[in-house]
Amino acid sequence: MKILSVIQPWAWALVTPGTGKTIEFRTWSTPYRGLLLVHAGKSKSMMDACEGFKSKRDGGLDPKTLAFGAVVGLVDLVNSLDGDWTVVNPTPLPRPIPLKGRLGLWAAEPELIELVAAQIDLANRPKAEALPHTPQARKPVAVSPRTVKPAAPLAPLKPLASPLAVFARRQAVVASHDRPQSPARPRSGG
């Protein structure tokens, strides 16, 4: 079992059924699939996002009830592709377990797993593969040197003009617009 630190209120949204948050966005992907403990970080920098959450179960989010610096629940990580982590089966812990967070994905200590198991019956949780909306990971495309065509050679680059030549060209264009198009005729003042 692995642990991921997530800033609040996103940690709450991941583990609370009915919030609609099934994807955690990261700048990296992981080959790990399975139970994932969600740790709520200590930062309160995103608390203004609480107003946008509406839970079907409890009608909203009270920021005063959020736990910080603790494991708040678990989810099943079923896919991680291009930094989009798809999670299903959100399960909040009735009593958050205080824990210092870390960066990245790290393994849960056996003592922590026992504390989680004391609150949630891990054996009787629905299995992620039994859920009908579980996305399947994309299969990597095999590329062999025989199937890859060499790229066309690039055209040689034209030398860049000096700033002085660019300035002179612009002055010539401006001067050509200042010239009258036809010979000027005196206008009658009538």
C-alpha atoms as a PDB file:
ATOM      1  CA  MET A   1       0.000   0.000   0.000  1.00  0.00           C
ATOM      2  CA  LYS A   2       1.320   3.449  -0.963  1.00  0.00           C
ATOM      3  CA  ILE A   3       0.675   6.969   0.322  1.00  0.00           C
ATOM      4  CA  LEU A   4       0.293  10.244  -1.589  1.00  0.00           C
ATOM      5  CA  SER A   5       0.177  13.702   0.009  1.00  0.00           C
ATOM      6  CA  VAL A   6      -2.489  15.967  -1.449  1.00  0.00           C
ATOM      7  CA  ILE A   7      -3.293  19.534  -0.434  1.00  0.00           C
ATOM      8  CA  GLN A   8      -6.685  20.218   1.163  1.00  0.00           C
ATOM      9  CA  PRO A   9      -9.498  20.475   0.064  1.00  0.00           C
ATOM     10  CA  TRP A  10      -8.451  18.191  -2.806  1.00  0.00           C
ATOM     11  CA  ALA A  11      -7.549  15.397  -0.365  1.00  0.00           C
ATOM     12  CA  TRP A  12     -11.080  15.584   1.081  1.00  0.00           C
ATOM     13  CA  ALA A  13     -12.563  15.552  -2.438  1.00  0.00           C
ATOM     14  CA  LEU A  14     -10.572  12.455  -3.442  1.00  0.00           C
ATOM     15  CA  VAL A  15     -11.761  10.337  -0.502  1.00  0.00           C
ATOM     16  CA  THR A  16     -15.345  11.598  -0.232  1.00  0.00           C
ATOM     17  CA  PRO A  17     -17.948   9.782  -2.364  1.00  0.00           C
ATOM     18  CA  GLY A  18     -20.164  12.089  -4.406  1.00  0.00           C
ATOM     19  CA  THR A  19     -17.694  14.924  -4.979  1.00  0.00           C
ATOM     20  CA  GLY A  20     -16.935  13.804  -8.523  1.00  0.00           C
ATOM     21  CA  LYS A  21     -13.151  14.021  -8.115  1.00  0.00           C
ATOM     22  CA  THR A  22     -11.831  10.870  -9.751  1.00  0.00           C
ATOM     23  CA  ILE A  23      -8.633  12.252 -11.255  1.00  0.00           C
ATOM     24  CA  GLU A  24      -5.611  13.580  -9.390  1.00  0.00           C
ATOM     25  CA  PHE A  25      -3.349  15.679 -11.589  1.00  0.00           C
ATOM     26  CA  ARG A  26       0.407  15.239 -11.198  1.00  0.00           C
ATOM     27  CA  THR A  27       3.385  16.206 -13.306  1.00  0.00           C
ATOM     28  CA  TRP A  28       4.536  12.576 -13.268  1.00  0.00           C
ATOM     29  CA  SER A  29       3.042   9.132 -13.731  1.00  0.00           C
ATOM     30  CA  THR A  30       3.542   5.936 -11.755  1.00  0.00           C
ATOM     31  CA  PRO A  31       3.416   2.243 -12.600  1.00  0.00           C
ATOM     32  CA  TYR A  32       1.785   1.581  -9.211  1.00  0.00           C
ATOM     33  CA  ARG A  33      -1.830   0.328  -9.185  1.00  0.00           C
ATOM     34  CA  GLY A  34      -3.786  -0.597  -6.083  1.00  0.00           C
ATOM     35  CA  LEU A  35      -4.772   0.827  -2.709  1.00  0.00           C
ATOM     36  CA  LEU A  36      -3.576   4.376  -2.188  1.00  0.00           C
ATOM     37  CA  LEU A  37      -3.757   6.142   1.154  1.00  0.00           C
ATOM     38  CA  VAL A  38      -4.518   9.860   0.784  1.00  0.00           C
ATOM     39  CA  HIS A  39      -2.554  12.092   3.132  1.00  0.00           C
ATOM     40  CA  ALA A  40      -3.784  15.670   3.633  1.00  0.00           C
ATOM     41  CA  GLY A  41      -0.853  18.067   3.734  1.00  0.00           C
ATOM     42  CA  LYS A  42      -0.516  20.837   6.311  1.00  0.00           C
ATOM     43  CA  SER A  43      -0.795  23.711   3.825  1.00  0.00           C
ATOM     44  CA  LYS A  44      -3.943  25.830   3.948  1.00  0.00           C
ATOM     45  CA  SER A  45      -3.127  27.827   0.805  1.00  0.00           C
ATOM     46  CA  MET A  46      -6.029  26.434  -1.263  1.00  0.00           C
ATOM     47  CA  MET A  47      -8.847  26.855   1.252  1.00  0.00           C
ATOM     48  CA  ASP A  48     -10.659  29.339  -0.987  1.00  0.00           C
ATOM     49  CA  ALA A  49     -11.484  26.344  -3.230  1.00  0.00           C
ATOM     50  CA  CYS A  50     -13.795  24.970  -0.507  1.00  0.00           C
ATOM     51  CA  GLU A  51     -16.646  27.161  -1.684  1.00  0.00           C
ATOM     52  CA  GLY A  52     -16.821  25.327  -5.012  1.00  0.00           C
ATOM     53  CA  PHE A  53     -17.354  21.850  -3.550  1.00  0.00           C
ATOM     54  CA  LYS A  54     -20.803  20.388  -3.202  1.00  0.00           C
ATOM     55  CA  SER A  55     -21.072  16.849  -1.904  1.00  0.00           C
ATOM     56  CA  LYS A  56     -24.250  14.926  -2.711  1.00  0.00           C
ATOM     57  CA  ARG A  57     -23.979  13.193   0.638  1.00  0.00           C
ATOM     58  CA  ASP A  58     -23.657  16.098   3.044  1.00  0.00           C
ATOM     59  CA  GLY A  59     -24.631  19.160   1.011  1.00  0.00           C
ATOM     60  CA  GLY A  60     -21.247  20.885   1.048  1.00  0.00           C
ATOM     61  CA  LEU A  61     -17.896  21.295   2.703  1.00  0.00           C
ATOM     62  CA  ASP A  62     -17.207  22.998   5.999  1.00  0.00           C
ATOM     63  CA  PRO A  63     -13.522  24.032   5.973  1.00  0.00           C
ATOM     64  CA  LYS A  64     -13.429  23.811   9.776  1.00  0.00           C
ATOM     65  CA  THR A  65     -13.929  20.037   9.606  1.00  0.00           C
ATOM     66  CA  LEU A  66     -10.928  19.325   7.363  1.00  0.00           C
ATOM     67  CA  ALA A  67      -7.934  17.454   8.775  1.00  0.00           C
ATOM     68  CA  PHE A  68      -4.388  18.591   8.017  1.00  0.00           C
ATOM     69  CA  GLY A  69      -1.180  16.603   8.372  1.00  0.00           C
ATOM     70  CA  ALA A  70      -3.044  13.290   8.500  1.00  0.00           C
ATOM     71  CA  VAL A  71      -4.130  10.297   6.435  1.00  0.00           C
ATOM     72  CA  VAL A  72      -7.771  11.058   5.631  1.00  0.00           C
ATOM     73  CA  GLY A  73      -8.834   8.062   3.538  1.00  0.00           C
ATOM     74  CA  LEU A  74      -8.007   5.693   0.741  1.00  0.00           C
ATOM     75  CA  VAL A  75      -8.807   5.141  -2.907  1.00  0.00           C
ATOM     76  CA  ASP A  76      -7.949   2.585  -5.574  1.00  0.00           C
ATOM     77  CA  LEU A  77      -5.466   3.902  -8.114  1.00  0.00           C
ATOM     78  CA  VAL A  78      -6.481   2.232 -11.378  1.00  0.00           C
ATOM     79  CA  ASN A  79      -4.591   4.255 -13.977  1.00  0.00           C
ATOM     80  CA  SER A  80      -1.789   6.766 -14.253  1.00  0.00           C
ATOM     81  CA  LEU A  81      -1.200   8.145 -17.700  1.00  0.00           C
ATOM     82  CA  ASP A  82       0.580  11.376 -18.578  1.00  0.00           C
ATOM     83  CA  GLY A  83       0.188  12.658 -15.017  1.00  0.00           C
ATOM     84  CA  ASP A  84      -3.569  11.976 -14.794  1.00  0.00           C
ATOM     85  CA  TRP A  85      -4.100   9.543 -11.914  1.00  0.00           C
ATOM     86  CA  THR A  86      -7.524   7.887 -12.122  1.00  0.00           C
ATOM     87  CA  VAL A  87      -8.911   6.792  -8.757  1.00  0.00           C
ATOM     88  CA  VAL A  88     -12.094   4.934  -7.822  1.00  0.00           C
ATOM     89  CA  ASN A  89     -13.766   3.608  -4.695  1.00  0.00           C
ATOM     90  CA  PRO A  90     -13.197   6.601  -2.364  1.00  0.00           C
ATOM     91  CA  THR A  91     -13.303   5.693   1.323  1.00  0.00           C
ATOM     92  CA  PRO A  92     -12.849   8.352   4.028  1.00  0.00           C
ATOM     93  CA  LEU A  93     -11.403   7.380   7.393  1.00  0.00           C
ATOM     94  CA  PRO A  94     -13.798   8.035  10.296  1.00  0.00           C
ATOM     95  CA  ARG A  95     -10.829   9.312  12.345  1.00  0.00           C
ATOM     96  CA  PRO A  96      -7.859  10.778  10.405  1.00  0.00           C
ATOM     97  CA  ILE A  97      -4.475   9.363  11.393  1.00  0.00           C
ATOM     98  CA  PRO A  98      -1.813  12.045  12.063  1.00  0.00           C
ATOM     99  CA  LEU A  99       1.268  11.554   9.895  1.00  0.00           C
ATOM    100  CA  LYS A 100       4.063  13.735   8.567  1.00  0.00           C
ATOM    101  CA  GLY A 101       3.815  14.056   4.800  1.00  0.00           C
ATOM    102  CA  ARG A 102       6.434  13.508   2.115  1.00  0.00           C
ATOM    103  CA  LEU A 103       6.910  14.348  -1.504  1.00  0.00           C
ATOM    104  CA  GLY A 104       6.184  11.714  -4.109  1.00  0.00           C
ATOM    105  CA  LEU A 105       4.675   8.299  -3.554  1.00  0.00           C
ATOM    106  CA  TRP A 106       5.927   6.295  -0.599  1.00  0.00           C
ATOM    107  CA  ALA A 107       5.248   2.933   1.030  1.00  0.00           C
ATOM    108  CA  ALA A 108       2.998   2.747   4.088  1.00  0.00           C
ATOM    109  CA  GLU A 109       4.521   1.315   7.260  1.00  0.00           C
ATOM    110  CA  PRO A 110       2.846  -1.877   8.607  1.00  0.00           C
ATOM    111  CA  GLU A 111       1.763  -0.009  11.765  1.00  0.00           C
ATOM    112  CA  LEU A 112      -0.088   2.567   9.674  1.00  0.00           C
ATOM    113  CA  ILE A 113      -1.816  -0.157   7.647  1.00  0.00           C
ATOM    114  CA  GLU A 114      -2.985  -1.732  10.928  1.00  0.00           C
ATOM    115  CA  LEU A 115      -4.414   1.625  12.091  1.00  0.00           C
ATOM    116  CA  VAL A 116      -6.281   1.997   8.792  1.00  0.00           C
ATOM    117  CA  ALA A 117      -7.536  -1.604   8.943  1.00  0.00           C
ATOM    118  CA  ALA A 118      -8.860  -0.960  12.467  1.00  0.00           C
ATOM    119  CA  GLN A 119     -11.170   1.726  11.020  1.00  0.00           C
ATOM    120  CA  ILE A 120     -12.043   0.207   7.632  1.00  0.00           C
ATOM    121  CA  ASP A 121     -12.645  -3.409   6.694  1.00  0.00           C
ATOM    122  CA  LEU A 122     -10.093  -3.605   3.893  1.00  0.00           C
ATOM    123  CA  ALA A 123     -11.026  -7.180   2.986  1.00  0.00           C
ATOM    124  CA  ASN A 124     -14.666  -6.292   2.212  1.00  0.00           C
ATOM    125  CA  ARG A 125     -14.082  -3.114   0.182  1.00  0.00           C
ATOM    126  CA  PRO A 126     -15.340  -3.390  -3.405  1.00  0.00           C
ATOM    127  CA  LYS A 127     -12.576  -4.396  -5.766  1.00  0.00           C
ATOM    128  CA  ALA A 128     -11.590  -1.768  -8.317  1.00  0.00           C
ATOM    129  CA  GLU A 129     -11.604  -4.221 -11.224  1.00  0.00           C
ATOM    130  CA  ALA A 130     -15.277  -5.025 -10.501  1.00  0.00           C
ATOM    131  CA  LEU A 131     -16.310  -1.415 -11.109  1.00  0.00           C
ATOM    132  CA  PRO A 132     -17.757  -0.913 -14.608  1.00  0.00           C
ATOM    133  CA  HIS A 133     -16.168   2.508 -15.183  1.00  0.00           C
ATOM    134  CA  THR A 134     -12.583   1.493 -14.428  1.00  0.00           C
ATOM    135  CA  PRO A 135     -10.461   2.855 -17.272  1.00  0.00           C
ATOM    136  CA  GLN A 136      -7.962   0.536 -18.889  1.00  0.00           C
ATOM    137  CA  ALA A 137      -4.353   1.591 -19.223  1.00  0.00           C
ATOM    138  CA  ARG A 138      -3.265   2.272 -22.774  1.00  0.00           C
ATOM    139  CA  LYS A 139      -0.950  -0.300 -24.260  1.00  0.00           C
ATOM    140  CA  PRO A 140       2.402   1.106 -25.342  1.00  0.00           C
ATOM    141  CA  VAL A 141       3.004   1.115 -29.081  1.00  0.00           C
ATOM    142  CA  ALA A 142       5.988  -0.942 -30.155  1.00  0.00           C
ATOM    143  CA  VAL A 143       8.212   0.872 -32.610  1.00  0.00           C
ATOM    144  CA  SER A 144      11.008  -0.894 -34.439  1.00  0.00           C
ATOM    145  CA  PRO A 145      13.747   0.811 -36.473  1.00  0.00           C
ATOM    146  CA  ARG A 146      12.246  -0.720 -39.637  1.00  0.00           C
ATOM    147  CA  THR A 147       8.853   0.942 -39.158  1.00  0.00           C
ATOM    148  CA  VAL A 148      10.186   4.438 -38.491  1.00  0.00           C
ATOM    149  CA  LYS A 149      10.768   6.486 -41.624  1.00  0.00           C
ATOM    150  CA  PRO A 150      13.636   8.954 -41.557  1.00  0.00           C
ATOM    151  CA  ALA A 151      12.602  12.572 -41.441  1.00  0.00           C
ATOM    152  CA  ALA A 152      13.009  14.712 -44.535  1.00  0.00           C
ATOM    153  CA  PRO A 153      16.158  16.822 -44.454  1.00  0.00           C
ATOM    154  CA  LEU A 154      15.611  20.319 -43.219  1.00  0.00           C
ATOM    155  CA  ALA A 155      16.030  23.231 -45.602  1.00  0.00           C
ATOM    156  CA  PRO A 156      19.077  25.351 -44.815  1.00  0.00           C
ATOM    157  CA  LEU A 157      18.288  28.399 -42.753  1.00  0.00           C
ATOM    158  CA  LYS A 158      18.573  31.805 -44.357  1.00  0.00           C
ATOM    159  CA  PRO A 159      21.074  34.074 -42.677  1.00  0.00           C
ATOM    160  CA  LEU A 160      19.467  36.646 -40.459  1.00  0.00           C
ATOM    161  CA  ALA A 161      19.593  40.245 -41.564  1.00  0.00           C
ATOM    162  CA  SER A 162      21.528  42.646 -39.444  1.00  0.00           C
ATOM    163  CA  PRO A 163      19.482  45.061 -37.309  1.00  0.00           C
ATOM    164  CA  LEU A 164      20.772  47.920 -39.454  1.00  0.00           C
ATOM    165  CA  ALA A 165      19.490  46.260 -42.658  1.00  0.00           C
ATOM    166  CA  VAL A 166      16.084  45.635 -41.028  1.00  0.00           C
ATOM    167  CA  PHE A 167      15.899  49.291 -39.954  1.00  0.00           C
ATOM    168  CA  ALA A 168      16.806  50.487 -43.474  1.00  0.00           C
ATOM    169  CA  ARG A 169      14.132  48.223 -45.008  1.00  0.00           C
ATOM    170  CA  ARG A 170      11.484  49.589 -42.622  1.00  0.00           C
ATOM    171  CA  GLN A 171      12.481  53.162 -43.419  1.00  0.00           C
ATOM    172  CA  ALA A 172      12.118  52.426 -47.130  1.00  0.00           C
ATOM    173  CA  VAL A 173       8.617  51.017 -46.589  1.00  0.00           C
ATOM    174  CA  VAL A 174       7.587  54.049 -44.521  1.00  0.00           C
ATOM    175  CA  ALA A 175       9.009  56.414 -47.136  1.00  0.00           C
ATOM    176  CA  SER A 176       7.113  54.641 -49.916  1.00  0.00           C
ATOM    177  CA  HIS A 177       3.840  55.167 -48.045  1.00  0.00           C
ATOM    178  CA  ASP A 178       4.569  58.847 -47.591  1.00  0.00           C
ATOM    179  CA  ARG A 179       4.935  59.453 -51.347  1.00  0.00           C
ATOM    180  CA  PRO A 180       1.829  60.386 -53.262  1.00  0.00           C
ATOM    181  CA  GLN A 181       0.619  57.690 -55.637  1.00  0.00           C
ATOM    182  CA  SER A 182      -0.127  60.085 -58.514  1.00  0.00           C
ATOM    183  CA  PRO A 183       1.319  63.445 -59.381  1.00  0.00           C
ATOM    184  CA  ALA A 184      -0.182  66.097 -57.179  1.00  0.00           C
ATOM    185  CA  ARG A 185      -2.542  68.533 -58.833  1.00  0.00           C
ATOM    186  CA  PRO A 186      -3.386  71.806 -57.318  1.00  0.00           C
ATOM    187  CA  ARG A 187      -6.837  71.740 -55.906  1.00  0.00           C
ATOM    188  CA  SER A 188      -9.266  74.398 -56.636  1.00  0.00           C
ATOM    189  CA  GLY A 189     -10.416  76.247 -53.576  1.00  0.00           C
ATOM    190  CA  GLY A 190     -14.014  76.393 -54.722  1.00  0.00           C
END
